[in-house]
PDB file of N, CA and C in Angstrom:
ATOM      1  N   UNK A   1     -23.794  43.653  -4.336  1.00  0.00           N
ATOM      2  CA  UNK A   1     -23.239  42.733  -3.363  1.00  0.00           C
ATOM      3  C   UNK A   1     -24.080  41.461  -3.279  1.00  0.00           C
ATOM      4  N   UNK A   2     -25.410  41.635  -3.403  1.00  0.00           N
ATOM      5  CA  UNK A   2     -26.276  40.458  -3.361  1.00  0.00           C
ATOM      6  C   UNK A   2     -26.026  39.553  -4.556  1.00  0.00           C
ATOM      7  N   UNK A   3     -25.749  40.166  -5.689  1.00  0.00           N
ATOM      8  CA  UNK A   3     -25.490  39.393  -6.899  1.00  0.00           C
ATOM      9  C   UNK A   3     -24.225  38.551  -6.748  1.00  0.00           C
ATOM     10  N   UNK A   4     -23.206  39.122  -6.137  1.00  0.00           N
ATOM     11  CA  UNK A   4     -21.958  38.396  -5.925  1.00  0.00           C
ATOM     12  C   UNK A   4     -22.173  37.223  -4.966  1.00  0.00           C
ATOM     13  N   UNK A   5     -22.913  37.450  -3.886  1.00  0.00           N
ATOM     14  CA  UNK A   5     -23.186  36.384  -2.917  1.00  0.00           C
ATOM     15  C   UNK A   5     -24.008  35.266  -3.554  1.00  0.00           C
ATOM     16  N   UNK A   6     -24.955  35.631  -4.401  1.00  0.00           N
ATOM     17  CA  UNK A   6     -25.784  34.642  -5.082  1.00  0.00           C
ATOM     18  C   UNK A   6     -24.937  33.792  -6.019  1.00  0.00           C
ATOM     19  N   UNK A   7     -24.059  34.430  -6.766  1.00  0.00           N
ATOM     20  CA  UNK A   7     -23.170  33.686  -7.661  1.00  0.00           C
ATOM     21  C   UNK A   7     -22.244  32.762  -6.870  1.00  0.00           C
ATOM     22  N   UNK A   8     -21.755  33.231  -5.750  1.00  0.00           N
ATOM     23  CA  UNK A   8     -20.868  32.435  -4.913  1.00  0.00           C
ATOM     24  C   UNK A   8     -21.585  31.220  -4.352  1.00  0.00           C
ATOM     25  N   UNK A   9     -22.785  31.407  -3.854  1.00  0.00           N
ATOM     26  CA  UNK A   9     -23.571  30.299  -3.300  1.00  0.00           C
ATOM     27  C   UNK A   9     -23.929  29.301  -4.393  1.00  0.00           C
ATOM     28  N   UNK A  10     -24.333  29.786  -5.545  1.00  0.00           N
ATOM     29  CA  UNK A  10     -24.689  28.888  -6.637  1.00  0.00           C
ATOM     30  C   UNK A  10     -23.486  28.111  -7.153  1.00  0.00           C
ATOM     31  N   UNK A  11     -22.341  28.726  -7.209  1.00  0.00           N
ATOM     32  CA  UNK A  11     -21.153  28.008  -7.670  1.00  0.00           C
ATOM     33  C   UNK A  11     -20.721  26.951  -6.655  1.00  0.00           C
ATOM     34  N   UNK A  12     -20.835  27.248  -5.380  1.00  0.00           N
ATOM     35  CA  UNK A  12     -20.500  26.252  -4.348  1.00  0.00           C
ATOM     36  C   UNK A  12     -21.483  25.091  -4.396  1.00  0.00           C
ATOM     37  N   UNK A  13     -22.758  25.385  -4.540  1.00  0.00           N
ATOM     38  CA  UNK A  13     -23.758  24.318  -4.613  1.00  0.00           C
ATOM     39  C   UNK A  13     -23.577  23.467  -5.863  1.00  0.00           C
ATOM     40  N   UNK A  14     -23.256  24.094  -6.975  1.00  0.00           N
ATOM     41  CA  UNK A  14     -23.052  23.308  -8.194  1.00  0.00           C
ATOM     42  C   UNK A  14     -21.802  22.446  -8.078  1.00  0.00           C
ATOM     43  N   UNK A  15     -20.769  22.916  -7.418  1.00  0.00           N
ATOM     44  CA  UNK A  15     -19.570  22.110  -7.211  1.00  0.00           C
ATOM     45  C   UNK A  15     -19.869  20.912  -6.312  1.00  0.00           C
ATOM     46  N   UNK A  16     -20.676  21.111  -5.289  1.00  0.00           N
ATOM     47  CA  UNK A  16     -21.046  20.014  -4.396  1.00  0.00           C
ATOM     48  C   UNK A  16     -21.884  18.980  -5.138  1.00  0.00           C
ATOM     49  N   UNK A  17     -22.844  19.427  -5.913  1.00  0.00           N
ATOM     50  CA  UNK A  17     -23.692  18.500  -6.670  1.00  0.00           C
ATOM     51  C   UNK A  17     -22.873  17.750  -7.716  1.00  0.00           C
ATOM     52  N   UNK A  18     -21.971  18.436  -8.385  1.00  0.00           N
ATOM     53  CA  UNK A  18     -21.125  17.822  -9.404  1.00  0.00           C
ATOM     54  C   UNK A  18     -20.240  16.740  -8.801  1.00  0.00           C
ATOM     55  N   UNK A  19     -19.621  17.039  -7.666  1.00  0.00           N
ATOM     56  CA  UNK A  19     -18.766  16.038  -7.021  1.00  0.00           C
ATOM     57  C   UNK A  19     -19.594  14.891  -6.459  1.00  0.00           C
ATOM     58  N   UNK A  20     -20.784  15.167  -5.967  1.00  0.00           N
ATOM     59  CA  UNK A  20     -21.655  14.123  -5.431  1.00  0.00           C
ATOM     60  C   UNK A  20     -22.073  13.141  -6.527  1.00  0.00           C
ATOM     61  N   UNK A  21     -22.318  13.661  -7.729  1.00  0.00           N
ATOM     62  CA  UNK A  21     -22.683  12.793  -8.854  1.00  0.00           C
ATOM     63  C   UNK A  21     -21.534  11.842  -9.173  1.00  0.00           C
ATOM     64  N   UNK A  22     -20.307  12.349  -9.191  1.00  0.00           N
ATOM     65  CA  UNK A  22     -19.172  11.483  -9.496  1.00  0.00           C
ATOM     66  C   UNK A  22     -18.896  10.480  -8.387  1.00  0.00           C
ATOM     67  N   UNK A  23     -19.152  10.850  -7.146  1.00  0.00           N
ATOM     68  CA  UNK A  23     -18.995   9.893  -6.045  1.00  0.00           C
ATOM     69  C   UNK A  23     -20.020   8.774  -6.181  1.00  0.00           C
ATOM     70  N   UNK A  24     -21.248   9.117  -6.520  1.00  0.00           N
ATOM     71  CA  UNK A  24     -22.274   8.093  -6.720  1.00  0.00           C
ATOM     72  C   UNK A  24     -21.950   7.191  -7.901  1.00  0.00           C
ATOM     73  N   UNK A  25     -21.427   7.773  -8.964  1.00  0.00           N
ATOM     74  CA  UNK A  25     -21.049   6.960 -10.119  1.00  0.00           C
ATOM     75  C   UNK A  25     -19.898   6.018  -9.791  1.00  0.00           C
ATOM     76  N   UNK A  26     -19.015   6.429  -8.928  1.00  0.00           N
ATOM     77  CA  UNK A  26     -17.896   5.564  -8.545  1.00  0.00           C
ATOM     78  C   UNK A  26     -18.400   4.327  -7.814  1.00  0.00           C
ATOM     79  N   UNK A  27     -19.450   4.468  -7.019  1.00  0.00           N
ATOM     80  CA  UNK A  27     -20.004   3.315  -6.312  1.00  0.00           C
ATOM     81  C   UNK A  27     -20.982   2.525  -7.174  1.00  0.00           C
ATOM     82  N   UNK A  28     -21.677   3.195  -8.058  1.00  0.00           N
ATOM     83  CA  UNK A  28     -22.688   2.521  -8.861  1.00  0.00           C
ATOM     84  C   UNK A  28     -22.078   1.757 -10.027  1.00  0.00           C
ATOM     85  N   UNK A  29     -20.962   2.228 -10.550  1.00  0.00           N
ATOM     86  CA  UNK A  29     -20.327   1.587 -11.692  1.00  0.00           C
ATOM     87  C   UNK A  29     -18.916   1.130 -11.331  1.00  0.00           C
ATOM     88  N   UNK A  30     -18.806   0.052 -10.556  1.00  0.00           N
ATOM     89  CA  UNK A  30     -17.457  -0.400 -10.188  1.00  0.00           C
ATOM     90  C   UNK A  30     -16.734  -0.995 -11.390  1.00  0.00           C
ATOM     91  N   UNK A  31     -15.442  -0.893 -11.377  1.00  0.00           N
ATOM     92  CA  UNK A  31     -14.633  -1.440 -12.461  1.00  0.00           C
ATOM     93  C   UNK A  31     -14.528  -2.945 -12.251  1.00  0.00           C
ATOM     94  N   UNK A  32     -14.935  -3.684 -13.271  1.00  0.00           N
ATOM     95  CA  UNK A  32     -14.886  -5.141 -13.182  1.00  0.00           C
ATOM     96  C   UNK A  32     -13.621  -5.625 -13.865  1.00  0.00           C
ATOM     97  N   UNK A  33     -12.807  -6.311 -13.100  1.00  0.00           N
ATOM     98  CA  UNK A  33     -11.572  -6.851 -13.641  1.00  0.00           C
ATOM     99  C   UNK A  33     -11.730  -8.361 -13.740  1.00  0.00           C
ATOM    100  N   UNK A  34     -12.267  -8.816 -14.852  1.00  0.00           N
ATOM    101  CA  UNK A  34     -12.542 -10.241 -15.041  1.00  0.00           C
ATOM    102  C   UNK A  34     -11.531 -10.904 -15.962  1.00  0.00           C
ATOM    103  N   UNK A  35     -10.414 -10.261 -16.203  1.00  0.00           N
ATOM    104  CA  UNK A  35      -9.411 -10.832 -17.067  1.00  0.00           C
ATOM    105  C   UNK A  35      -8.640 -11.897 -16.293  1.00  0.00           C
ATOM    106  N   UNK A  36      -8.629 -13.088 -16.843  1.00  0.00           N
ATOM    107  CA  UNK A  36      -7.871 -14.157 -16.207  1.00  0.00           C
ATOM    108  C   UNK A  36      -6.583 -14.363 -16.987  1.00  0.00           C
ATOM    109  N   UNK A  37      -5.519 -14.440 -16.263  1.00  0.00           N
ATOM    110  CA  UNK A  37      -4.219 -14.621 -16.886  1.00  0.00           C
ATOM    111  C   UNK A  37      -3.816 -16.077 -16.696  1.00  0.00           C
ATOM    112  N   UNK A  38      -3.547 -16.739 -17.792  1.00  0.00           N
ATOM    113  CA  UNK A  38      -3.143 -18.141 -17.727  1.00  0.00           C
ATOM    114  C   UNK A  38      -1.738 -18.222 -17.146  1.00  0.00           C
ATOM    115  N   UNK A  39      -1.543 -19.130 -16.197  1.00  0.00           N
ATOM    116  CA  UNK A  39      -0.201 -19.246 -15.610  1.00  0.00           C
ATOM    117  C   UNK A  39       0.796 -19.769 -16.638  1.00  0.00           C
ATOM    118  N   UNK A  40       1.957 -19.196 -16.629  1.00  0.00           N
ATOM    119  CA  UNK A  40       2.998 -19.601 -17.569  1.00  0.00           C
ATOM    120  C   UNK A  40       3.666 -20.877 -17.064  1.00  0.00           C
ATOM    121  N   UNK A  41       4.023 -21.731 -17.979  1.00  0.00           N
ATOM    122  CA  UNK A  41       4.716 -22.953 -17.611  1.00  0.00           C
ATOM    123  C   UNK A  41       6.164 -22.612 -17.256  1.00  0.00           C
ATOM    124  N   UNK A  42       6.644 -23.197 -16.176  1.00  0.00           N
ATOM    125  CA  UNK A  42       8.035 -22.922 -15.805  1.00  0.00           C
ATOM    126  C   UNK A  42       9.007 -23.480 -16.834  1.00  0.00           C
ATOM    127  N   UNK A  43      10.033 -22.701 -17.146  1.00  0.00           N
ATOM    128  CA  UNK A  43      10.988 -23.088 -18.176  1.00  0.00           C
ATOM    129  C   UNK A  43      12.157 -23.872 -17.575  1.00  0.00           C
ATOM    130  N   UNK A  44      12.719 -23.367 -16.520  1.00  0.00           N
ATOM    131  CA  UNK A  44      13.908 -23.998 -15.959  1.00  0.00           C
ATOM    132  C   UNK A  44      13.602 -24.752 -14.677  1.00  0.00           C
ATOM    133  N   UNK A  45      14.634 -25.388 -14.137  1.00  0.00           N
ATOM    134  CA  UNK A  45      14.490 -26.181 -12.917  1.00  0.00           C
ATOM    135  C   UNK A  45      14.149 -25.278 -11.732  1.00  0.00           C
ATOM    136  N   UNK A  46      14.791 -24.131 -11.654  1.00  0.00           N
ATOM    137  CA  UNK A  46      14.529 -23.213 -10.545  1.00  0.00           C
ATOM    138  C   UNK A  46      13.092 -22.712 -10.581  1.00  0.00           C
ATOM    139  N   UNK A  47      12.582 -22.423 -11.767  1.00  0.00           N
ATOM    140  CA  UNK A  47      11.190 -21.985 -11.889  1.00  0.00           C
ATOM    141  C   UNK A  47      10.228 -23.104 -11.515  1.00  0.00           C
ATOM    142  N   UNK A  48      10.559 -24.347 -11.824  1.00  0.00           N
ATOM    143  CA  UNK A  48       9.709 -25.479 -11.451  1.00  0.00           C
ATOM    144  C   UNK A  48       9.664 -25.640  -9.938  1.00  0.00           C
ATOM    145  N   UNK A  49      10.801 -25.496  -9.290  1.00  0.00           N
ATOM    146  CA  UNK A  49      10.849 -25.607  -7.830  1.00  0.00           C
ATOM    147  C   UNK A  49      10.059 -24.469  -7.200  1.00  0.00           C
ATOM    148  N   UNK A  50      10.240 -23.264  -7.729  1.00  0.00           N
ATOM    149  CA  UNK A  50       9.505 -22.100  -7.207  1.00  0.00           C
ATOM    150  C   UNK A  50       8.003 -22.279  -7.375  1.00  0.00           C
ATOM    151  N   UNK A  51       7.580 -22.782  -8.532  1.00  0.00           N
ATOM    152  CA  UNK A  51       6.152 -23.007  -8.792  1.00  0.00           C
ATOM    153  C   UNK A  51       5.590 -24.060  -7.861  1.00  0.00           C
ATOM    154  N   UNK A  52       6.341 -25.111  -7.610  1.00  0.00           N
ATOM    155  CA  UNK A  52       5.842 -26.180  -6.731  1.00  0.00           C
ATOM    156  C   UNK A  52       5.735 -25.682  -5.298  1.00  0.00           C
ATOM    157  N   UNK A  53       6.637 -24.790  -4.875  1.00  0.00           N
ATOM    158  CA  UNK A  53       6.553 -24.234  -3.520  1.00  0.00           C
ATOM    159  C   UNK A  53       5.385 -23.273  -3.392  1.00  0.00           C
ATOM    160  N   UNK A  54       5.068 -22.556  -4.456  1.00  0.00           N
ATOM    161  CA  UNK A  54       3.931 -21.634  -4.426  1.00  0.00           C
ATOM    162  C   UNK A  54       2.608 -22.389  -4.354  1.00  0.00           C
ATOM    163  N   UNK A  55       2.552 -23.561  -4.973  1.00  0.00           N
ATOM    164  CA  UNK A  55       1.319 -24.319  -5.035  1.00  0.00           C
ATOM    165  C   UNK A  55       1.015 -25.099  -3.762  1.00  0.00           C
ATOM    166  N   UNK A  56       1.961 -25.176  -2.837  1.00  0.00           N
ATOM    167  CA  UNK A  56       1.736 -25.931  -1.585  1.00  0.00           C
ATOM    168  C   UNK A  56       0.779 -25.240  -0.676  1.00  0.00           C
TER     169      UNK A  56
END
């Protein structure tokens, strides 16, 4: 019975440590999204009007 309890405690502790490592990695290594997308030139009159209203 002691062996079973020891295995249970060790598995719970290892799961906590494993998840804690991934939580720390999520904060330590943030995803950098530095891709800049060039704005497309409007093709039609409606797109030009829409673009000019967005830029105001």
